[in-house]
N, C-alpha and C. Protein backbone atom coordinates (compact mmCIF):
# COMPACT_ATOMS: atom_id res chain seq x y z
N MET A 1 13.91 166.54 -14.19
CA MET A 1 14.38 165.32 -14.81
C MET A 1 15.80 165.03 -14.35
N PRO A 2 16.03 163.84 -13.89
CA PRO A 2 17.39 163.49 -13.45
C PRO A 2 18.33 163.35 -14.64
N LYS A 3 19.57 163.72 -14.42
CA LYS A 3 20.61 163.58 -15.44
C LYS A 3 21.69 162.65 -14.91
N MET A 4 22.36 162.02 -15.85
CA MET A 4 23.44 161.11 -15.50
C MET A 4 24.50 161.23 -16.59
N THR A 5 25.73 161.32 -16.18
CA THR A 5 26.80 161.34 -17.18
C THR A 5 26.94 159.95 -17.78
N LEU A 6 27.54 159.90 -18.94
CA LEU A 6 27.77 158.59 -19.57
C LEU A 6 28.70 157.74 -18.70
N THR A 7 29.66 158.38 -18.07
CA THR A 7 30.57 157.64 -17.18
C THR A 7 29.79 156.99 -16.04
N ALA A 8 28.90 157.75 -15.42
CA ALA A 8 28.09 157.21 -14.32
C ALA A 8 27.15 156.13 -14.83
N ALA A 9 26.61 156.34 -16.03
CA ALA A 9 25.68 155.35 -16.60
C ALA A 9 26.36 154.01 -16.80
N ARG A 10 27.61 154.03 -17.22
CA ARG A 10 28.35 152.78 -17.40
C ARG A 10 28.44 152.01 -16.09
N LYS A 11 28.62 152.74 -15.01
CA LYS A 11 28.79 152.10 -13.70
C LYS A 11 27.46 151.76 -13.04
N GLU A 12 26.43 152.55 -13.32
CA GLU A 12 25.17 152.44 -12.57
C GLU A 12 23.96 152.13 -13.45
N ILE A 13 24.16 151.50 -14.59
CA ILE A 13 23.05 151.26 -15.52
C ILE A 13 21.96 150.41 -14.88
N GLY A 14 22.35 149.43 -14.09
CA GLY A 14 21.35 148.59 -13.42
C GLY A 14 20.45 149.39 -12.50
N GLU A 15 21.04 150.26 -11.73
CA GLU A 15 20.27 151.10 -10.81
C GLU A 15 19.37 152.06 -11.59
N ALA A 16 19.89 152.63 -12.69
CA ALA A 16 19.10 153.54 -13.50
C ALA A 16 17.88 152.84 -14.10
N VAL A 17 18.10 151.64 -14.61
CA VAL A 17 16.98 150.87 -15.19
C VAL A 17 15.96 150.53 -14.12
N ASN A 18 16.41 150.16 -12.95
CA ASN A 18 15.46 149.87 -11.86
C ASN A 18 14.61 151.08 -11.52
N LYS A 19 15.21 152.26 -11.50
CA LYS A 19 14.44 153.47 -11.22
C LYS A 19 13.35 153.69 -12.27
N LEU A 20 13.66 153.38 -13.51
CA LEU A 20 12.68 153.53 -14.58
C LEU A 20 11.58 152.47 -14.48
N VAL A 21 11.99 151.24 -14.28
CA VAL A 21 11.04 150.13 -14.25
C VAL A 21 10.08 150.23 -13.07
N TYR A 22 10.60 150.64 -11.93
CA TYR A 22 9.77 150.66 -10.73
C TYR A 22 9.16 152.03 -10.45
N GLY A 23 9.19 152.91 -11.45
CA GLY A 23 8.44 154.15 -11.37
C GLY A 23 9.03 155.28 -10.56
N LYS A 24 10.27 155.16 -10.14
CA LYS A 24 10.86 156.26 -9.38
C LYS A 24 11.25 157.41 -10.30
N GLU A 25 11.54 157.10 -11.55
CA GLU A 25 11.86 158.11 -12.57
C GLU A 25 11.09 157.78 -13.83
N ASP A 26 10.77 158.82 -14.62
CA ASP A 26 10.09 158.54 -15.88
C ASP A 26 11.02 158.69 -17.08
N ARG A 27 12.21 159.24 -16.84
CA ARG A 27 13.25 159.32 -17.88
C ARG A 27 14.54 159.77 -17.22
N ILE A 28 15.63 159.41 -17.84
CA ILE A 28 16.94 159.83 -17.35
C ILE A 28 17.72 160.35 -18.55
N ILE A 29 18.19 161.58 -18.43
CA ILE A 29 18.95 162.20 -19.51
C ILE A 29 20.42 161.83 -19.34
N LEU A 30 21.04 161.40 -20.43
CA LEU A 30 22.46 161.08 -20.43
C LEU A 30 23.23 162.26 -21.02
N SER A 31 24.31 162.62 -20.36
CA SER A 31 25.08 163.78 -20.83
C SER A 31 26.57 163.47 -20.82
N ARG A 32 27.29 164.29 -21.57
CA ARG A 32 28.74 164.22 -21.60
C ARG A 32 29.27 165.64 -21.65
N ARG A 33 30.15 165.96 -20.74
CA ARG A 33 30.75 167.30 -20.65
C ARG A 33 29.67 168.38 -20.60
N GLY A 34 28.61 168.11 -19.86
CA GLY A 34 27.54 169.09 -19.67
C GLY A 34 26.55 169.20 -20.81
N LYS A 35 26.72 168.42 -21.86
CA LYS A 35 25.81 168.46 -23.01
C LYS A 35 24.90 167.23 -23.00
N ASP A 36 23.58 167.47 -23.05
CA ASP A 36 22.63 166.36 -23.10
C ASP A 36 22.73 165.65 -24.45
N LEU A 37 22.84 164.31 -24.40
CA LEU A 37 23.05 163.53 -25.61
C LEU A 37 21.92 162.57 -25.94
N ALA A 38 21.34 161.99 -24.91
CA ALA A 38 20.34 160.94 -25.13
C ALA A 38 19.46 160.83 -23.90
N VAL A 39 18.45 159.98 -24.00
CA VAL A 39 17.56 159.77 -22.86
C VAL A 39 17.24 158.28 -22.75
N ILE A 40 17.13 157.81 -21.55
CA ILE A 40 16.69 156.44 -21.28
C ILE A 40 15.23 156.55 -20.83
N LEU A 41 14.37 155.76 -21.47
CA LEU A 41 12.94 155.77 -21.17
C LEU A 41 12.46 154.38 -20.81
N PRO A 42 11.38 154.29 -20.04
CA PRO A 42 10.76 152.97 -19.83
C PRO A 42 10.20 152.46 -21.16
N ILE A 43 10.12 151.16 -21.29
CA ILE A 43 9.63 150.56 -22.53
C ILE A 43 8.20 151.01 -22.84
N SER A 44 7.41 151.29 -21.81
CA SER A 44 6.03 151.75 -22.05
C SER A 44 6.02 153.07 -22.81
N TYR A 45 7.01 153.93 -22.58
CA TYR A 45 7.10 155.19 -23.32
C TYR A 45 7.43 154.92 -24.79
N LEU A 46 8.32 153.96 -25.03
CA LEU A 46 8.66 153.61 -26.41
C LEU A 46 7.43 153.08 -27.14
N GLU A 47 6.64 152.27 -26.47
CA GLU A 47 5.42 151.74 -27.09
C GLU A 47 4.46 152.86 -27.46
N ILE A 48 4.34 153.86 -26.59
CA ILE A 48 3.49 155.02 -26.89
C ILE A 48 4.05 155.79 -28.07
N LEU A 49 5.36 156.02 -28.08
CA LEU A 49 5.98 156.73 -29.19
C LEU A 49 5.78 155.99 -30.51
N ASP A 50 5.89 154.66 -30.47
CA ASP A 50 5.65 153.86 -31.68
C ASP A 50 4.23 154.03 -32.19
N LYS A 51 3.25 154.05 -31.29
CA LYS A 51 1.86 154.24 -31.70
C LYS A 51 1.65 155.61 -32.31
N ILE A 52 2.26 156.62 -31.72
CA ILE A 52 2.15 157.97 -32.26
C ILE A 52 2.77 158.03 -33.66
N GLU A 53 3.94 157.42 -33.81
CA GLU A 53 4.59 157.40 -35.11
C GLU A 53 3.75 156.66 -36.14
N ASP A 54 3.15 155.53 -35.76
CA ASP A 54 2.28 154.78 -36.67
C ASP A 54 1.11 155.63 -37.14
N ARG A 55 0.47 156.33 -36.21
CA ARG A 55 -0.66 157.19 -36.59
C ARG A 55 -0.22 158.30 -37.52
N TRP A 56 0.93 158.88 -37.23
CA TRP A 56 1.44 159.96 -38.06
C TRP A 56 1.73 159.45 -39.48
N LEU A 57 2.35 158.28 -39.59
CA LEU A 57 2.64 157.70 -40.90
C LEU A 57 1.35 157.33 -41.64
N GLN A 58 0.36 156.83 -40.92
CA GLN A 58 -0.92 156.51 -41.55
C GLN A 58 -1.57 157.77 -42.12
N GLU A 59 -1.50 158.86 -41.37
CA GLU A 59 -2.08 160.11 -41.83
C GLU A 59 -1.34 160.62 -43.07
N LYS A 60 -0.02 160.51 -43.06
CA LYS A 60 0.76 160.91 -44.23
C LYS A 60 0.37 160.06 -45.45
N ALA A 61 0.19 158.77 -45.24
CA ALA A 61 -0.19 157.87 -46.34
C ALA A 61 -1.57 158.24 -46.88
N ARG A 62 -2.51 158.52 -45.97
CA ARG A 62 -3.85 158.92 -46.41
C ARG A 62 -3.80 160.18 -47.26
N LYS A 63 -3.03 161.15 -46.82
CA LYS A 63 -2.90 162.40 -47.58
C LYS A 63 -2.26 162.14 -48.94
N ALA A 64 -1.24 161.30 -48.96
CA ALA A 64 -0.57 160.99 -50.22
C ALA A 64 -1.51 160.29 -51.19
N LEU A 65 -2.37 159.41 -50.68
CA LEU A 65 -3.32 158.71 -51.55
C LEU A 65 -4.36 159.65 -52.15
N LYS A 66 -4.64 160.75 -51.47
CA LYS A 66 -5.61 161.72 -51.97
C LYS A 66 -5.03 162.65 -53.03
N GLU A 67 -3.71 162.72 -53.10
CA GLU A 67 -3.07 163.60 -54.08
C GLU A 67 -3.34 163.11 -55.49
N LYS A 68 -3.51 164.07 -56.38
CA LYS A 68 -3.74 163.74 -57.78
C LYS A 68 -2.41 163.71 -58.51
N GLY A 69 -2.39 162.99 -59.61
CA GLY A 69 -1.19 162.92 -60.42
C GLY A 69 -0.45 161.63 -60.21
N GLU A 70 0.47 161.41 -61.12
CA GLU A 70 1.27 160.21 -61.06
C GLU A 70 2.74 160.57 -61.21
N ILE A 71 3.58 159.70 -60.72
CA ILE A 71 5.02 159.86 -60.89
C ILE A 71 5.48 158.72 -61.78
N PRO A 72 6.11 159.06 -62.90
CA PRO A 72 6.56 157.99 -63.80
C PRO A 72 7.55 157.05 -63.10
N TRP A 73 7.43 155.78 -63.43
CA TRP A 73 8.27 154.75 -62.82
C TRP A 73 9.76 155.05 -63.03
N GLU A 74 10.11 155.55 -64.20
CA GLU A 74 11.52 155.86 -64.48
C GLU A 74 12.04 156.93 -63.53
N LYS A 75 11.22 157.92 -63.18
CA LYS A 75 11.63 158.96 -62.24
C LYS A 75 11.81 158.37 -60.84
N VAL A 76 10.90 157.48 -60.43
CA VAL A 76 11.00 156.85 -59.12
C VAL A 76 12.32 156.07 -59.02
N LYS A 77 12.62 155.28 -60.06
CA LYS A 77 13.86 154.50 -60.07
C LYS A 77 15.08 155.42 -60.01
N LYS A 78 15.05 156.51 -60.77
CA LYS A 78 16.17 157.44 -60.77
C LYS A 78 16.34 158.08 -59.40
N ASP A 79 15.24 158.53 -58.79
CA ASP A 79 15.30 159.16 -57.48
C ASP A 79 15.84 158.21 -56.42
N LEU A 80 15.55 156.93 -56.55
CA LEU A 80 16.02 155.93 -55.59
C LEU A 80 17.39 155.35 -55.94
N GLY A 81 17.93 155.81 -57.08
CA GLY A 81 19.25 155.32 -57.49
C GLY A 81 19.24 153.90 -57.97
N LEU A 82 18.14 153.47 -58.55
CA LEU A 82 18.04 152.09 -59.05
C LEU A 82 18.37 152.00 -60.53
């Protein structure tokens, strides 16, 4: 995986994005002082991640709906600071 410092990214962001868009790279790690901080991904990867997250949340919701018991409204309000 290619890495790019934040300083280089500021100067070369256009070139980095082109590499992602045109398939030369599938991700670029951004670092500062040798520490990896973030990653730049093609939008298609974000769309896949969003779908995975949606499925995960749907599964959590299904499990929650199967749970027995109720939570009193006053407790919900208190927990949310309302």
